[in-house]
Amino acid sequence: MARTTQLRTYTVREGLLDEWVRRWRADIVPLRLELGFEIGGAWVDRERNQFVWLVSYDGPETFAERNALYWSSPARKAMNLDPEEYLLSTDDRTVEEHY
C-alpha cells in the first residue's frame, strides 16, 4: 500500500491541553509506533487550545485497516483513555507531501 499521512488537529477542552499532551506522549505514541505508524511531528497552539500532529502509515494494509487495528487492540483498551474526555473536536485530513 502507498504511504498515507494524516494531519490531525484536535481542539482540547479548556485546562486539559497539557494533560492531553502528556497522555498522548506516554500512551498513544508508543502504541502507534509499535503498530508501524510514524509520527511526523506534534505542535501545540495555545491560543486556540489545539493540538496538531502528523501520523503516517506505510505498510501492507491501508491506513484505515491499521487504524482499526490500533483502536481494537487490547493495549489501546487498557489505556483507559477516552478522547471525548479531552477533545471538543477533531479534524483529520489525509495530506500528500509536496515541496
N, C-alpha and C. Protein backbone atom coordinates (compact mmCIF):
# COMPACT_ATOMS: atom_id res chain seq x y z
N MET A 1 0.84 -1.18 0.00
CA MET A 1 0.00 0.00 0.00
C MET A 1 0.89 1.24 0.00
N ALA A 2 0.33 2.30 -0.51
CA ALA A 2 1.06 3.57 -0.54
C ALA A 2 1.05 4.22 0.85
N ARG A 3 2.07 5.01 1.09
CA ARG A 3 2.17 5.75 2.35
C ARG A 3 0.99 6.73 2.46
N THR A 4 0.36 6.73 3.62
CA THR A 4 -0.73 7.65 3.91
C THR A 4 -0.35 8.48 5.12
N THR A 5 -0.56 9.78 5.03
CA THR A 5 -0.28 10.69 6.14
C THR A 5 -1.53 11.48 6.47
N GLN A 6 -1.81 11.57 7.74
CA GLN A 6 -2.93 12.39 8.20
C GLN A 6 -2.40 13.55 9.04
N LEU A 7 -2.95 14.72 8.78
CA LEU A 7 -2.74 15.90 9.60
C LEU A 7 -3.95 15.98 10.52
N ARG A 8 -3.70 15.86 11.81
CA ARG A 8 -4.80 15.82 12.78
C ARG A 8 -4.75 17.06 13.67
N THR A 9 -5.87 17.75 13.74
CA THR A 9 -6.00 18.93 14.58
C THR A 9 -7.09 18.67 15.60
N TYR A 10 -6.72 18.73 16.85
CA TYR A 10 -7.66 18.48 17.94
C TYR A 10 -7.86 19.76 18.74
N THR A 11 -9.10 20.15 18.95
CA THR A 11 -9.41 21.24 19.86
C THR A 11 -9.68 20.61 21.22
N VAL A 12 -8.88 21.03 22.19
CA VAL A 12 -8.87 20.39 23.51
C VAL A 12 -9.70 21.22 24.50
N ARG A 13 -10.36 20.52 25.40
CA ARG A 13 -11.16 21.18 26.43
C ARG A 13 -10.27 22.12 27.26
N GLU A 14 -10.85 23.24 27.64
CA GLU A 14 -10.14 24.25 28.42
C GLU A 14 -9.49 23.62 29.65
N GLY A 15 -8.21 23.94 29.84
CA GLY A 15 -7.48 23.47 31.01
C GLY A 15 -6.89 22.07 30.90
N LEU A 16 -7.13 21.37 29.79
CA LEU A 16 -6.67 19.99 29.66
C LEU A 16 -5.57 19.79 28.61
N LEU A 17 -5.10 20.88 28.00
CA LEU A 17 -4.13 20.74 26.91
C LEU A 17 -2.85 20.05 27.36
N ASP A 18 -2.26 20.49 28.44
CA ASP A 18 -1.00 19.88 28.90
C ASP A 18 -1.20 18.42 29.31
N GLU A 19 -2.32 18.13 29.96
CA GLU A 19 -2.60 16.74 30.35
C GLU A 19 -2.80 15.88 29.10
N TRP A 20 -3.51 16.42 28.09
CA TRP A 20 -3.69 15.68 26.85
C TRP A 20 -2.34 15.35 26.22
N VAL A 21 -1.44 16.35 26.14
CA VAL A 21 -0.12 16.14 25.53
C VAL A 21 0.64 15.07 26.31
N ARG A 22 0.56 15.11 27.63
CA ARG A 22 1.25 14.12 28.45
C ARG A 22 0.72 12.72 28.15
N ARG A 23 -0.60 12.57 28.11
CA ARG A 23 -1.20 11.25 27.83
C ARG A 23 -0.87 10.80 26.40
N TRP A 24 -0.90 11.72 25.45
CA TRP A 24 -0.58 11.40 24.06
C TRP A 24 0.83 10.84 23.96
N ARG A 25 1.78 11.54 24.59
CA ARG A 25 3.18 11.10 24.56
C ARG A 25 3.38 9.75 25.26
N ALA A 26 2.79 9.60 26.43
CA ALA A 26 3.03 8.41 27.25
C ALA A 26 2.28 7.18 26.77
N ASP A 27 1.07 7.37 26.23
CA ASP A 27 0.21 6.24 25.91
C ASP A 27 0.01 6.02 24.41
N ILE A 28 -0.35 7.06 23.72
CA ILE A 28 -0.73 6.92 22.31
C ILE A 28 0.49 6.70 21.42
N VAL A 29 1.51 7.53 21.57
CA VAL A 29 2.68 7.43 20.69
C VAL A 29 3.33 6.05 20.74
N PRO A 30 3.64 5.50 21.91
CA PRO A 30 4.30 4.18 21.91
C PRO A 30 3.49 3.10 21.19
N LEU A 31 2.19 3.09 21.36
CA LEU A 31 1.37 2.07 20.70
C LEU A 31 1.32 2.31 19.20
N ARG A 32 1.17 3.56 18.80
CA ARG A 32 1.18 3.86 17.36
C ARG A 32 2.49 3.38 16.73
N LEU A 33 3.61 3.67 17.37
CA LEU A 33 4.91 3.24 16.83
C LEU A 33 5.02 1.72 16.79
N GLU A 34 4.57 1.08 17.84
CA GLU A 34 4.60 -0.38 17.91
C GLU A 34 3.81 -1.00 16.76
N LEU A 35 2.73 -0.35 16.35
CA LEU A 35 1.88 -0.88 15.29
C LEU A 35 2.29 -0.41 13.89
N GLY A 36 3.45 0.22 13.79
CA GLY A 36 4.01 0.56 12.48
C GLY A 36 3.68 1.95 11.98
N PHE A 37 3.05 2.77 12.79
CA PHE A 37 2.80 4.16 12.39
C PHE A 37 4.05 4.98 12.63
N GLU A 38 4.15 6.11 11.94
CA GLU A 38 5.22 7.06 12.16
C GLU A 38 4.59 8.37 12.60
N ILE A 39 5.25 9.05 13.52
CA ILE A 39 4.80 10.36 13.97
C ILE A 39 5.72 11.39 13.33
N GLY A 40 5.13 12.26 12.50
CA GLY A 40 5.92 13.25 11.76
C GLY A 40 6.15 14.54 12.51
N GLY A 41 5.53 14.68 13.65
CA GLY A 41 5.69 15.89 14.46
C GLY A 41 4.41 16.18 15.20
N ALA A 42 4.52 17.02 16.22
CA ALA A 42 3.36 17.42 17.00
C ALA A 42 3.59 18.84 17.51
N TRP A 43 2.52 19.62 17.54
CA TRP A 43 2.60 21.02 17.92
C TRP A 43 1.41 21.39 18.79
N VAL A 44 1.62 22.38 19.64
CA VAL A 44 0.56 22.91 20.48
C VAL A 44 0.30 24.35 20.05
N ASP A 45 -0.96 24.68 19.83
CA ASP A 45 -1.40 26.05 19.54
C ASP A 45 -2.19 26.51 20.77
N ARG A 46 -1.50 27.13 21.71
CA ARG A 46 -2.12 27.50 22.98
C ARG A 46 -3.22 28.56 22.79
N GLU A 47 -3.02 29.43 21.84
CA GLU A 47 -4.02 30.48 21.60
C GLU A 47 -5.38 29.89 21.24
N ARG A 48 -5.38 28.81 20.49
CA ARG A 48 -6.62 28.17 20.05
C ARG A 48 -6.95 26.92 20.86
N ASN A 49 -6.09 26.60 21.84
CA ASN A 49 -6.26 25.40 22.65
C ASN A 49 -6.32 24.15 21.76
N GLN A 50 -5.37 24.09 20.81
CA GLN A 50 -5.35 22.99 19.85
C GLN A 50 -4.04 22.21 19.91
N PHE A 51 -4.17 20.95 19.55
CA PHE A 51 -3.04 20.03 19.43
C PHE A 51 -3.04 19.54 17.99
N VAL A 52 -1.90 19.68 17.31
CA VAL A 52 -1.80 19.32 15.89
C VAL A 52 -0.66 18.31 15.75
N TRP A 53 -0.93 17.24 14.98
CA TRP A 53 0.13 16.25 14.78
C TRP A 53 -0.02 15.57 13.43
N LEU A 54 1.10 14.97 12.99
CA LEU A 54 1.14 14.20 11.74
C LEU A 54 1.36 12.73 12.08
N VAL A 55 0.53 11.87 11.52
CA VAL A 55 0.69 10.43 11.70
C VAL A 55 0.63 9.78 10.32
N SER A 56 1.58 8.87 10.07
CA SER A 56 1.67 8.20 8.77
C SER A 56 1.72 6.70 8.95
N TYR A 57 1.32 6.01 7.88
CA TYR A 57 1.45 4.55 7.83
C TYR A 57 1.81 4.15 6.42
N ASP A 58 2.82 3.28 6.31
CA ASP A 58 3.25 2.75 5.02
C ASP A 58 3.54 1.27 5.23
N GLY A 59 2.53 0.46 5.04
CA GLY A 59 2.70 -0.97 5.29
C GLY A 59 1.79 -1.79 4.40
N PRO A 60 1.63 -3.05 4.74
CA PRO A 60 0.85 -3.95 3.88
C PRO A 60 -0.65 -3.68 3.88
N GLU A 61 -1.15 -3.02 4.93
CA GLU A 61 -2.59 -2.71 5.00
C GLU A 61 -2.81 -1.24 4.64
N THR A 62 -4.06 -0.89 4.50
CA THR A 62 -4.38 0.53 4.32
C THR A 62 -4.26 1.23 5.67
N PHE A 63 -4.20 2.55 5.62
CA PHE A 63 -4.19 3.34 6.86
C PHE A 63 -5.42 3.01 7.68
N ALA A 64 -6.57 2.97 7.03
CA ALA A 64 -7.83 2.71 7.73
C ALA A 64 -7.82 1.34 8.41
N GLU A 65 -7.30 0.33 7.74
CA GLU A 65 -7.24 -1.01 8.32
C GLU A 65 -6.31 -1.03 9.54
N ARG A 66 -5.16 -0.38 9.40
CA ARG A 66 -4.19 -0.36 10.51
C ARG A 66 -4.73 0.48 11.67
N ASN A 67 -5.44 1.55 11.34
CA ASN A 67 -6.03 2.39 12.37
C ASN A 67 -7.10 1.62 13.15
N ALA A 68 -7.87 0.81 12.45
CA ALA A 68 -8.88 -0.03 13.11
C ALA A 68 -8.21 -1.02 14.05
N LEU A 69 -7.07 -1.56 13.64
CA LEU A 69 -6.31 -2.47 14.50
C LEU A 69 -5.85 -1.74 15.76
N TYR A 70 -5.39 -0.51 15.60
CA TYR A 70 -4.98 0.31 16.75
C TYR A 70 -6.13 0.44 17.74
N TRP A 71 -7.30 0.85 17.24
CA TRP A 71 -8.44 1.08 18.12
C TRP A 71 -8.97 -0.19 18.77
N SER A 72 -8.84 -1.31 18.11
CA SER A 72 -9.38 -2.57 18.66
C SER A 72 -8.36 -3.34 19.50
N SER A 73 -7.14 -2.86 19.55
CA SER A 73 -6.09 -3.61 20.26
C SER A 73 -6.32 -3.60 21.77
N PRO A 74 -5.95 -4.69 22.44
CA PRO A 74 -6.06 -4.74 23.89
C PRO A 74 -5.24 -3.64 24.57
N ALA A 75 -4.10 -3.28 23.99
CA ALA A 75 -3.27 -2.23 24.58
C ALA A 75 -3.99 -0.88 24.55
N ARG A 76 -4.73 -0.61 23.46
CA ARG A 76 -5.48 0.65 23.38
C ARG A 76 -6.60 0.66 24.41
N LYS A 77 -7.28 -0.44 24.54
CA LYS A 77 -8.36 -0.53 25.53
C LYS A 77 -7.80 -0.37 26.95
N ALA A 78 -6.61 -0.91 27.21
CA ALA A 78 -6.01 -0.85 28.54
C ALA A 78 -5.57 0.56 28.93
N MET A 79 -5.46 1.45 27.96
CA MET A 79 -5.07 2.83 28.26
C MET A 79 -6.09 3.54 29.14
N ASN A 80 -7.34 3.09 29.05
CA ASN A 80 -8.41 3.77 29.78
C ASN A 80 -8.39 5.26 29.45
N LEU A 81 -8.33 5.56 28.16
CA LEU A 81 -8.24 6.93 27.67
C LEU A 81 -9.36 7.16 26.66
N ASP A 82 -10.36 7.92 27.07
CA ASP A 82 -11.47 8.26 26.20
C ASP A 82 -11.20 9.66 25.64
N PRO A 83 -10.94 9.76 24.32
CA PRO A 83 -10.65 11.07 23.74
C PRO A 83 -11.73 12.11 24.01
N GLU A 84 -12.97 11.68 24.14
CA GLU A 84 -14.06 12.64 24.37
C GLU A 84 -13.93 13.37 25.70
N GLU A 85 -13.20 12.79 26.64
CA GLU A 85 -12.97 13.46 27.92
C GLU A 85 -12.05 14.66 27.75
N TYR A 86 -11.23 14.65 26.69
CA TYR A 86 -10.24 15.70 26.46
C TYR A 86 -10.57 16.59 25.26
N LEU A 87 -11.17 16.03 24.23
CA LEU A 87 -11.27 16.72 22.95
C LEU A 87 -12.68 17.22 22.68
N LEU A 88 -12.77 18.49 22.28
CA LEU A 88 -14.05 19.07 21.87
C LEU A 88 -14.35 18.73 20.42
N SER A 89 -13.29 18.71 19.58
CA SER A 89 -13.47 18.38 18.17
C SER A 89 -12.17 17.88 17.59
N THR A 90 -12.30 17.14 16.49
CA THR A 90 -11.13 16.66 15.76
C THR A 90 -11.32 16.93 14.28
N ASP A 91 -10.22 17.20 13.61
CA ASP A 91 -10.22 17.40 12.17
C ASP A 91 -9.06 16.58 11.62
N ASP A 92 -9.36 15.46 10.98
CA ASP A 92 -8.34 14.56 10.42
C ASP A 92 -8.36 14.71 8.91
N ARG A 93 -7.23 15.11 8.36
CA ARG A 93 -7.11 15.31 6.91
C ARG A 93 -5.98 14.45 6.35
N THR A 94 -6.30 13.72 5.30
CA THR A 94 -5.26 12.97 4.60
C THR A 94 -4.55 13.95 3.67
N VAL A 95 -3.23 14.03 3.81
CA VAL A 95 -2.45 15.02 3.07
C VAL A 95 -1.33 14.32 2.30
N GLU A 96 -0.85 14.99 1.27
CA GLU A 96 0.26 14.49 0.46
C GLU A 96 1.43 15.47 0.59
N GLU A 97 2.62 14.90 0.63
CA GLU A 97 3.82 15.74 0.75
C GLU A 97 4.21 16.29 -0.63
N HIS A 98 4.38 17.60 -0.68
CA HIS A 98 4.83 18.30 -1.90
C HIS A 98 5.76 19.43 -1.50
N TYR A 99 6.88 19.50 -2.16
CA TYR A 99 7.78 20.63 -1.97
C TYR A 99 8.81 20.71 -3.02
